N, C-alpha and C. Protein backbone atom coordinates (compact mmCIF):
# COMPACT_ATOMS: atom_id res chain seq x y z
N MET A 1 0.99 -1.66 0.43
CA MET A 1 0.16 0.30 -0.19
C MET A 1 1.12 1.27 0.23
N ASP A 2 0.86 2.27 -0.47
CA ASP A 2 0.75 3.33 -0.70
C ASP A 2 0.09 4.55 -0.47
N LEU A 3 1.06 5.06 0.74
CA LEU A 3 0.15 6.23 1.65
C LEU A 3 0.69 7.35 1.19
N ILE A 4 0.14 8.25 0.52
CA ILE A 4 1.06 9.70 0.22
C ILE A 4 0.40 10.41 1.41
N LEU A 5 0.99 11.48 1.84
CA LEU A 5 0.89 12.88 2.59
C LEU A 5 0.73 14.31 1.73
N TRP A 6 0.20 15.04 1.73
CA TRP A 6 0.16 16.43 0.97
C TRP A 6 -0.10 17.79 2.18
N ARG A 7 0.49 18.19 1.97
CA ARG A 7 0.82 19.07 3.26
C ARG A 7 -0.33 20.39 2.34
N HIS A 8 -1.00 20.86 2.76
CA HIS A 8 -2.26 22.06 2.10
C HIS A 8 -0.86 23.01 1.63
N ALA A 9 -0.96 23.44 0.74
CA ALA A 9 -0.43 24.93 0.42
C ALA A 9 0.21 26.16 1.07
N GLU A 10 0.70 27.13 1.04
CA GLU A 10 0.95 28.36 2.01
C GLU A 10 -0.46 29.18 1.91
N ALA A 11 -1.07 29.18 3.02
CA ALA A 11 -2.14 29.61 3.27
C ALA A 11 -2.28 31.39 3.97
N GLU A 12 -3.40 31.98 3.76
CA GLU A 12 -2.84 33.43 4.75
C GLU A 12 -3.35 33.24 5.92
N GLU A 13 -3.23 34.29 6.62
CA GLU A 13 -2.97 33.66 8.29
C GLU A 13 -5.09 34.41 8.81
N ALA A 14 -4.71 33.64 9.66
CA ALA A 14 -5.94 33.92 10.03
C ALA A 14 -6.33 35.54 10.46
N LYS A 15 -7.05 36.18 10.47
CA LYS A 15 -7.36 37.40 10.88
C LYS A 15 -8.55 37.00 11.84
N ILE A 16 -8.44 38.57 12.94
CA ILE A 16 -9.67 38.43 14.01
C ILE A 16 -10.98 37.87 13.84
N GLY A 17 -11.45 37.08 14.36
CA GLY A 17 -12.71 36.68 14.15
C GLY A 17 -13.14 35.20 12.82
N MET A 18 -12.40 34.92 12.17
CA MET A 18 -12.24 34.38 11.22
C MET A 18 -12.00 32.90 11.56
N SER A 19 -12.98 32.22 11.10
CA SER A 19 -12.53 30.69 11.47
C SER A 19 -11.39 30.22 10.56
N ASP A 20 -10.92 28.78 11.57
CA ASP A 20 -9.45 28.66 10.91
C ASP A 20 -9.82 27.88 9.96
N MET A 21 -10.88 27.23 9.49
CA MET A 21 -11.32 26.25 8.30
C MET A 21 -11.85 27.28 7.25
N LYS A 22 -11.53 28.54 7.20
CA LYS A 22 -12.11 29.25 6.06
C LYS A 22 -10.73 30.68 5.74
N ARG A 23 -9.64 29.47 6.39
CA ARG A 23 -8.44 30.27 5.56
C ARG A 23 -8.14 29.63 4.48
N ARG A 24 -8.32 30.69 3.16
CA ARG A 24 -7.46 30.20 2.03
C ARG A 24 -6.37 30.24 1.45
N LEU A 25 -5.75 29.70 0.35
CA LEU A 25 -4.37 30.01 -0.40
C LEU A 25 -4.40 31.43 -0.72
N THR A 26 -2.77 31.62 -0.31
CA THR A 26 -2.35 32.65 -0.38
C THR A 26 -2.04 32.42 -2.49
N PRO A 27 -1.30 33.83 -3.13
CA PRO A 27 -1.18 33.26 -4.24
C PRO A 27 0.35 32.66 -5.17
N ARG A 28 1.07 32.46 -3.86
CA ARG A 28 2.32 31.86 -3.39
C ARG A 28 1.72 30.57 -3.34
N GLY A 29 0.33 30.00 -2.26
CA GLY A 29 0.02 29.03 -2.38
C GLY A 29 -0.79 28.10 -3.62
N GLU A 30 -1.33 29.19 -4.17
CA GLU A 30 -1.93 29.04 -4.96
C GLU A 30 -1.25 28.06 -6.43
N LYS A 31 0.63 28.90 -6.52
CA LYS A 31 1.15 28.20 -7.75
C LYS A 31 2.02 27.17 -7.03
N GLN A 32 2.03 27.05 -5.24
CA GLN A 32 2.61 25.74 -4.85
C GLN A 32 1.70 24.24 -5.44
N ALA A 33 0.13 24.65 -5.30
CA ALA A 33 -1.03 23.59 -5.52
C ALA A 33 -0.96 22.89 -6.88
N ARG A 34 -0.98 24.20 -7.79
CA ARG A 34 -0.87 23.54 -9.53
C ARG A 34 0.97 22.83 -9.50
N THR A 35 1.54 23.46 -8.87
CA THR A 35 3.22 22.54 -9.28
C THR A 35 2.84 20.92 -9.30
N VAL A 36 2.73 20.74 -7.63
CA VAL A 36 2.59 19.58 -7.16
C VAL A 36 1.46 18.82 -7.39
N GLY A 37 -0.12 19.23 -7.94
CA GLY A 37 -0.73 19.06 -8.55
C GLY A 37 -0.52 18.12 -9.91
N ARG A 38 0.22 18.78 -10.38
CA ARG A 38 0.91 17.78 -11.71
C ARG A 38 1.85 17.00 -11.22
N TRP A 39 2.44 17.28 -10.62
CA TRP A 39 3.64 16.32 -10.67
C TRP A 39 2.66 14.95 -10.26
N LEU A 40 1.75 15.47 -9.53
CA LEU A 40 0.98 14.05 -8.54
C LEU A 40 0.53 13.26 -9.19
N ARG A 41 -0.15 13.81 -10.17
CA ARG A 41 -0.71 13.68 -11.74
C ARG A 41 -0.19 12.77 -12.39
N GLN A 42 1.16 13.13 -12.79
CA GLN A 42 2.28 12.21 -13.60
C GLN A 42 2.61 10.78 -12.49
N HIS A 43 1.97 11.26 -11.15
CA HIS A 43 2.99 9.49 -10.55
C HIS A 43 1.75 8.95 -9.89
N LEU A 44 1.06 9.50 -9.33
CA LEU A 44 -0.30 8.74 -8.86
C LEU A 44 -0.41 7.84 -9.76
N PRO A 45 -1.01 6.26 -8.77
CA PRO A 45 -1.17 5.14 -9.46
C PRO A 45 -2.75 5.57 -9.91
N LYS A 46 -2.97 5.09 -10.82
CA LYS A 46 -4.39 5.27 -11.03
C LYS A 46 -5.85 4.97 -9.95
N SER A 47 -5.82 3.95 -9.70
CA SER A 47 -6.31 3.48 -8.68
C SER A 47 -6.86 4.46 -7.43
N THR A 48 -5.91 5.36 -7.10
CA THR A 48 -5.11 6.68 -5.72
C THR A 48 -6.64 6.49 -4.88
N ARG A 49 -7.06 6.46 -4.04
CA ARG A 49 -8.20 7.19 -3.11
C ARG A 49 -7.65 8.65 -2.51
N ILE A 50 -8.70 9.63 -2.83
CA ILE A 50 -7.71 11.19 -2.46
C ILE A 50 -8.60 11.30 -1.99
N LEU A 51 -8.63 11.83 -0.14
CA LEU A 51 -9.46 12.01 1.35
C LEU A 51 -8.90 13.43 1.56
N VAL A 52 -9.46 14.57 1.40
CA VAL A 52 -9.44 16.20 1.84
C VAL A 52 -9.96 16.54 3.14
N SER A 53 -9.39 17.11 3.61
CA SER A 53 -9.92 17.99 5.37
C SER A 53 -11.01 18.78 4.88
N PRO A 54 -11.79 19.10 5.06
CA PRO A 54 -12.87 20.23 5.15
C PRO A 54 -12.26 20.85 4.96
N ALA A 55 -10.91 21.47 5.56
CA ALA A 55 -10.34 23.20 5.94
C ALA A 55 -10.07 24.04 4.45
N MET A 56 -11.15 25.24 3.93
CA MET A 56 -10.90 25.81 3.08
C MET A 56 -9.47 25.66 2.04
N ARG A 57 -8.50 25.79 3.36
CA ARG A 57 -6.81 25.58 2.58
C ARG A 57 -6.86 23.71 1.90
N THR A 58 -6.83 23.24 2.05
CA THR A 58 -6.97 21.78 1.63
C THR A 58 -7.64 21.59 0.62
N GLN A 59 -9.10 21.77 0.73
CA GLN A 59 -10.27 22.05 -0.58
C GLN A 59 -9.06 22.61 -1.82
N GLN A 60 -8.85 23.82 -1.23
CA GLN A 60 -8.10 24.60 -3.08
C GLN A 60 -6.80 23.82 -3.54
N THR A 61 -5.84 23.40 -2.24
CA THR A 61 -5.35 22.82 -2.62
C THR A 61 -4.74 21.26 -3.49
N VAL A 62 -6.00 20.86 -3.76
CA VAL A 62 -6.43 19.59 -4.20
C VAL A 62 -7.18 19.85 -5.33
N LEU A 63 -7.34 21.02 -5.63
CA LEU A 63 -8.07 20.86 -6.99
C LEU A 63 -7.69 20.71 -7.82
N PRO A 64 -6.00 22.04 -8.01
CA PRO A 64 -4.88 21.54 -9.11
C PRO A 64 -5.09 20.00 -9.61
N LEU A 65 -4.97 19.36 -8.80
CA LEU A 65 -4.98 17.77 -9.45
C LEU A 65 -5.84 17.07 -10.20
N GLU A 66 -7.07 17.67 -9.96
CA GLU A 66 -8.36 17.60 -11.52
C GLU A 66 -8.40 15.86 -11.04
N LEU A 67 -8.33 15.56 -10.67
CA LEU A 67 -8.98 14.28 -9.71
C LEU A 67 -10.35 13.92 -8.71
N PRO A 68 -10.91 13.11 -8.59
CA PRO A 68 -11.84 12.65 -8.00
C PRO A 68 -11.71 12.86 -6.17
N TYR A 69 -12.17 13.37 -5.38
CA TYR A 69 -11.26 13.30 -4.28
C TYR A 69 -12.88 12.91 -3.06
N ASP A 70 -12.70 12.66 -1.84
CA ASP A 70 -14.08 12.31 -0.75
C ASP A 70 -13.00 13.39 0.50
N THR A 71 -14.40 14.68 0.90
CA THR A 71 -13.97 15.65 1.73
C THR A 71 -14.56 14.17 2.91
N ASP A 72 -13.27 14.67 3.39
CA ASP A 72 -13.38 13.64 5.52
C ASP A 72 -13.34 14.87 6.34
N GLU A 73 -13.94 14.62 7.21
CA GLU A 73 -14.51 15.72 8.54
C GLU A 73 -13.38 14.92 9.36
N HIS A 74 -13.04 13.77 9.32
CA HIS A 74 -11.64 12.84 10.30
C HIS A 74 -10.41 13.36 10.23
N ILE A 75 -10.25 14.16 9.47
CA ILE A 75 -8.78 14.14 8.39
C ILE A 75 -8.55 16.01 8.85
N GLY A 76 -9.54 16.30 9.94
CA GLY A 76 -9.24 18.12 9.45
C GLY A 76 -8.26 18.17 11.09
N PRO A 77 -7.74 20.24 10.77
CA PRO A 77 -6.74 20.45 11.64
C PRO A 77 -6.70 19.30 12.97
N GLN A 78 -8.37 19.28 13.74
CA GLN A 78 -7.55 18.40 14.63
C GLN A 78 -7.16 16.89 15.18
N ALA A 79 -7.57 16.63 13.26
CA ALA A 79 -7.09 14.82 13.60
C ALA A 79 -5.51 14.89 14.64
N SER A 80 -5.82 13.44 14.96
CA SER A 80 -4.85 12.65 15.27
C SER A 80 -3.74 11.74 14.16
N PRO A 81 -3.14 11.49 14.25
CA PRO A 81 -2.34 10.34 13.72
C PRO A 81 -3.29 9.26 13.24
N ALA A 82 -4.08 8.18 14.40
CA ALA A 82 -4.41 7.47 14.56
C ALA A 82 -5.54 7.74 13.75
N ASP A 83 -6.33 8.94 13.77
CA ASP A 83 -7.34 8.97 12.78
C ASP A 83 -7.22 8.86 10.56
N LEU A 84 -5.75 9.81 10.99
CA LEU A 84 -5.87 9.15 9.56
C LEU A 84 -5.29 7.96 9.23
N ILE A 85 -4.39 6.84 9.82
CA ILE A 85 -4.43 5.61 9.69
C ILE A 85 -6.17 4.91 9.72
N LYS A 86 -6.57 5.55 10.49
CA LYS A 86 -8.20 4.65 10.22
C LYS A 86 -8.69 5.12 8.65
N ALA A 87 -8.43 6.37 8.70
CA ALA A 87 -9.33 6.73 7.59
C ALA A 87 -8.61 6.44 5.93
N ALA A 88 -7.10 6.16 6.81
CA ALA A 88 -6.76 5.03 5.21
C ALA A 88 -6.74 4.03 4.97
N GLY A 89 -7.33 3.34 6.00
CA GLY A 89 -7.17 2.39 5.61
C GLY A 89 -5.89 0.98 6.11
N TRP A 90 -4.98 2.04 6.48
CA TRP A 90 -3.37 2.20 6.61
C TRP A 90 -2.87 0.65 7.41
N PRO A 91 -1.90 -0.41 6.96
CA PRO A 91 -1.89 -0.81 5.77
C PRO A 91 -2.37 -1.72 4.83
N ASN A 92 -3.85 -1.66 5.21
CA ASN A 92 -4.64 -2.73 4.56
C ASN A 92 -5.07 -2.82 3.29
N LEU A 93 -5.17 -2.06 2.89
CA LEU A 93 -6.06 -1.32 1.67
C LEU A 93 -4.86 -1.71 -0.13
N PRO A 94 -5.05 -2.40 -0.79
CA PRO A 94 -4.14 -2.66 -1.74
C PRO A 94 -4.14 -1.45 -2.53
N ALA A 95 -5.09 -0.51 -2.68
CA ALA A 95 -4.40 0.40 -3.65
C ALA A 95 -4.20 1.70 -2.58
N ALA A 96 -3.49 2.83 -3.47
CA ALA A 96 -2.66 4.24 -3.40
C ALA A 96 -4.11 4.71 -2.07
N VAL A 97 -3.65 5.35 -1.24
CA VAL A 97 -3.67 6.86 -0.61
C VAL A 97 -3.31 7.97 -0.65
N LEU A 98 -4.32 9.10 -0.94
CA LEU A 98 -3.59 10.38 -0.84
C LEU A 98 -4.73 11.19 0.62
N ILE A 99 -3.73 11.67 1.40
CA ILE A 99 -4.18 12.37 2.26
C ILE A 99 -3.49 14.02 2.04
N VAL A 100 -4.37 14.91 1.87
CA VAL A 100 -4.63 16.56 1.95
C VAL A 100 -4.22 16.41 3.31
N GLY A 101 -3.54 17.04 4.20
CA GLY A 101 -4.28 17.45 5.04
C GLY A 101 -3.33 18.84 6.29
N HIS A 102 -3.23 18.71 7.26
CA HIS A 102 -2.66 19.38 8.42
C HIS A 102 -1.48 18.88 8.87
N GLN A 103 -0.19 20.21 9.09
CA GLN A 103 0.86 19.75 10.40
C GLN A 103 0.37 20.36 11.66
N PRO A 104 0.40 20.23 12.44
CA PRO A 104 2.03 19.31 12.78
C PRO A 104 0.98 17.55 12.72
N THR A 105 0.07 17.43 12.11
CA THR A 105 -0.48 15.40 12.27
C THR A 105 -0.23 14.71 10.96
N LEU A 106 0.54 15.58 10.11
CA LEU A 106 1.03 14.85 8.83
C LEU A 106 2.80 14.54 9.25
N GLY A 107 3.33 15.59 10.19
CA GLY A 107 4.35 15.30 10.56
C GLY A 107 4.51 13.70 11.52
N ALA A 108 3.49 14.09 12.21
CA ALA A 108 3.58 13.03 13.57
C ALA A 108 3.31 11.36 12.76
N LEU A 109 2.66 11.66 11.41
CA LEU A 109 2.21 10.26 11.04
C LEU A 109 3.32 9.89 10.92
N ALA A 110 4.24 10.56 9.91
CA ALA A 110 5.21 10.74 8.85
C ALA A 110 6.32 9.78 9.39
N SER A 111 6.52 10.61 10.60
CA SER A 111 7.45 9.63 11.96
C SER A 111 7.09 8.47 12.66
N LEU A 112 5.51 8.74 12.62
CA LEU A 112 5.13 7.18 12.72
C LEU A 112 5.53 5.62 11.99
N LEU A 113 5.15 6.49 10.76
CA LEU A 113 5.32 5.19 9.28
C LEU A 113 6.40 5.17 9.76
N VAL A 114 7.82 6.12 9.18
CA VAL A 114 8.54 5.46 8.81
C VAL A 114 9.87 5.21 9.63
N CYS A 115 9.87 5.57 11.42
CA CYS A 115 10.54 5.65 12.51
C CYS A 115 10.05 4.22 13.70
N GLY A 116 8.68 4.54 13.25
CA GLY A 116 7.50 3.51 14.20
C GLY A 116 7.58 4.09 15.55
N LYS A 117 7.20 5.60 15.74
CA LYS A 117 7.08 6.25 16.52
C LYS A 117 6.97 7.77 15.90
N GLU A 118 5.73 8.38 16.51
CA GLU A 118 5.26 9.40 16.56
C GLU A 118 6.80 10.83 16.52
N GLY A 119 6.77 11.64 15.92
CA GLY A 119 7.88 12.59 15.93
C GLY A 119 7.55 13.88 15.72
N ASP A 120 8.14 15.05 15.77
CA ASP A 120 7.80 16.34 15.26
C ASP A 120 8.35 16.15 13.99
N PHE A 121 8.57 15.51 12.85
CA PHE A 121 8.35 15.79 11.35
C PHE A 121 8.16 17.09 10.82
N SER A 122 8.79 17.79 10.66
CA SER A 122 8.19 19.01 9.99
C SER A 122 7.61 18.93 8.21
N ILE A 123 6.70 18.79 7.91
CA ILE A 123 6.29 18.98 6.11
C ILE A 123 6.33 20.31 6.27
N ARG A 124 6.53 20.66 5.39
CA ARG A 124 6.57 21.87 4.36
C ARG A 124 5.63 22.10 3.26
N LYS A 125 4.63 23.17 3.80
CA LYS A 125 3.64 23.82 3.21
C LYS A 125 3.62 23.51 2.03
N GLY A 126 2.87 22.71 1.35
CA GLY A 126 2.52 21.98 -0.35
C GLY A 126 3.62 20.93 -0.38
N ALA A 127 4.21 20.50 0.77
CA ALA A 127 5.13 19.03 0.13
C ALA A 127 4.33 18.03 0.39
N VAL A 128 4.85 17.04 -0.62
CA VAL A 128 4.23 15.83 -0.85
C VAL A 128 5.70 14.45 0.05
N TRP A 129 5.11 13.74 1.18
CA TRP A 129 5.72 12.19 1.50
C TRP A 129 4.80 11.32 1.10
N TRP A 130 5.80 10.66 0.86
CA TRP A 130 4.96 9.21 0.00
C TRP A 130 6.02 8.04 0.67
N VAL A 131 4.74 6.62 1.50
CA VAL A 131 5.58 6.27 1.99
C VAL A 131 4.86 5.06 1.39
N SER A 132 5.35 3.94 1.48
CA SER A 132 4.83 2.60 0.64
C SER A 132 5.33 1.26 1.81
N ARG A 133 4.16 0.38 1.61
CA ARG A 133 4.42 -0.84 2.56
C ARG A 133 4.37 -1.51 1.66
N LYS A 134 5.11 -3.17 1.59
CA LYS A 134 5.30 -4.27 1.10
C LYS A 134 4.46 -4.72 1.88
N ASN A 135 3.10 -5.38 1.18
CA ASN A 135 2.43 -6.46 1.99
C ASN A 135 2.16 -7.59 1.49
N LYS A 136 3.67 -8.31 1.22
CA LYS A 136 3.29 -9.98 0.88
C LYS A 136 3.81 -10.77 2.04
N PRO A 137 3.62 -11.85 1.93
CA PRO A 137 3.28 -12.45 2.68
C PRO A 137 5.40 -12.55 3.71
N GLY A 138 5.70 -12.27 4.55
CA GLY A 138 6.97 -12.27 5.32
C GLY A 138 7.74 -11.19 5.01
N ASP A 139 7.48 -9.84 3.67
CA ASP A 139 7.78 -8.84 3.80
C ASP A 139 7.13 -7.87 3.63
N ASP A 140 6.56 -7.06 4.75
CA ASP A 140 5.92 -5.76 4.94
C ASP A 140 6.57 -4.97 5.92
N ASP A 141 7.94 -4.95 4.89
CA ASP A 141 8.67 -3.10 5.56
C ASP A 141 8.32 -2.59 4.68
N THR A 142 8.02 -1.00 5.56
CA THR A 142 7.72 0.21 5.20
C THR A 142 8.84 1.20 4.84
N PHE A 143 8.49 2.29 3.83
CA PHE A 143 9.81 2.83 3.67
C PHE A 143 9.47 3.76 2.95
N LEU A 144 10.40 5.20 3.14
CA LEU A 144 9.88 6.45 2.46
C LEU A 144 10.33 6.52 0.75
N ARG A 145 9.65 6.48 -0.27
CA ARG A 145 9.12 6.23 -1.05
C ARG A 145 10.44 7.44 -1.83
N ALA A 146 9.22 8.83 -1.20
CA ALA A 146 9.53 10.28 -1.81
C ALA A 146 9.14 11.21 -0.99
N VAL A 147 9.93 12.17 -0.63
CA VAL A 147 9.65 13.64 -0.07
C VAL A 147 10.04 14.56 -1.42
N ILE A 148 9.14 15.44 -1.72
CA ILE A 148 9.13 16.71 -2.97
C ILE A 148 8.35 17.70 -1.96
N GLY A 149 8.83 18.87 -2.36
CA GLY A 149 8.33 20.03 -2.08
C GLY A 149 8.02 20.89 -3.39
N PRO A 150 7.16 21.78 -3.30
CA PRO A 150 7.04 22.54 -4.39
C PRO A 150 8.27 23.43 -5.00
N ASP A 151 9.18 23.53 -4.24
CA ASP A 151 10.68 24.22 -4.80
C ASP A 151 11.47 23.64 -5.26
N LEU A 152 11.28 22.19 -5.24
CA LEU A 152 12.27 21.20 -6.55
C LEU A 152 11.39 20.98 -7.30
N LEU A 153 10.21 21.17 -7.78
CA LEU A 153 9.95 21.03 -9.33
C LEU A 153 9.59 21.99 -10.04
């Protein structure tokens, strides 16, 4: 199974009285989303399931990908790594899952998957961490397939 973690692109700072869920992408964030979305379209397996936080900034981040996705209330800004694992069905689904979500949860999940314990991995805005697990009898290794940020594309 492949689990791809995509942190939302750069978003505006919250204004007084503004809900965190309503924060929108900045022009730079829109460019980051287009750049990473183009790369992902070229590399994602065809059967990838895409799960997106209901926050405005994640919804805007996924749009340039131009693929169908599901909004999942369980992977919002307050989600835990366990919530993301459950939503994705890790590691038991045969298909890839892309989660478009938030820091620090994505970083803690990346640490858990790669190192076996939650840590403070920092996933930069707009970046993708791609983790794979071989689900073959006697071979269930988890490995980091790719880490890519919009500044490298």
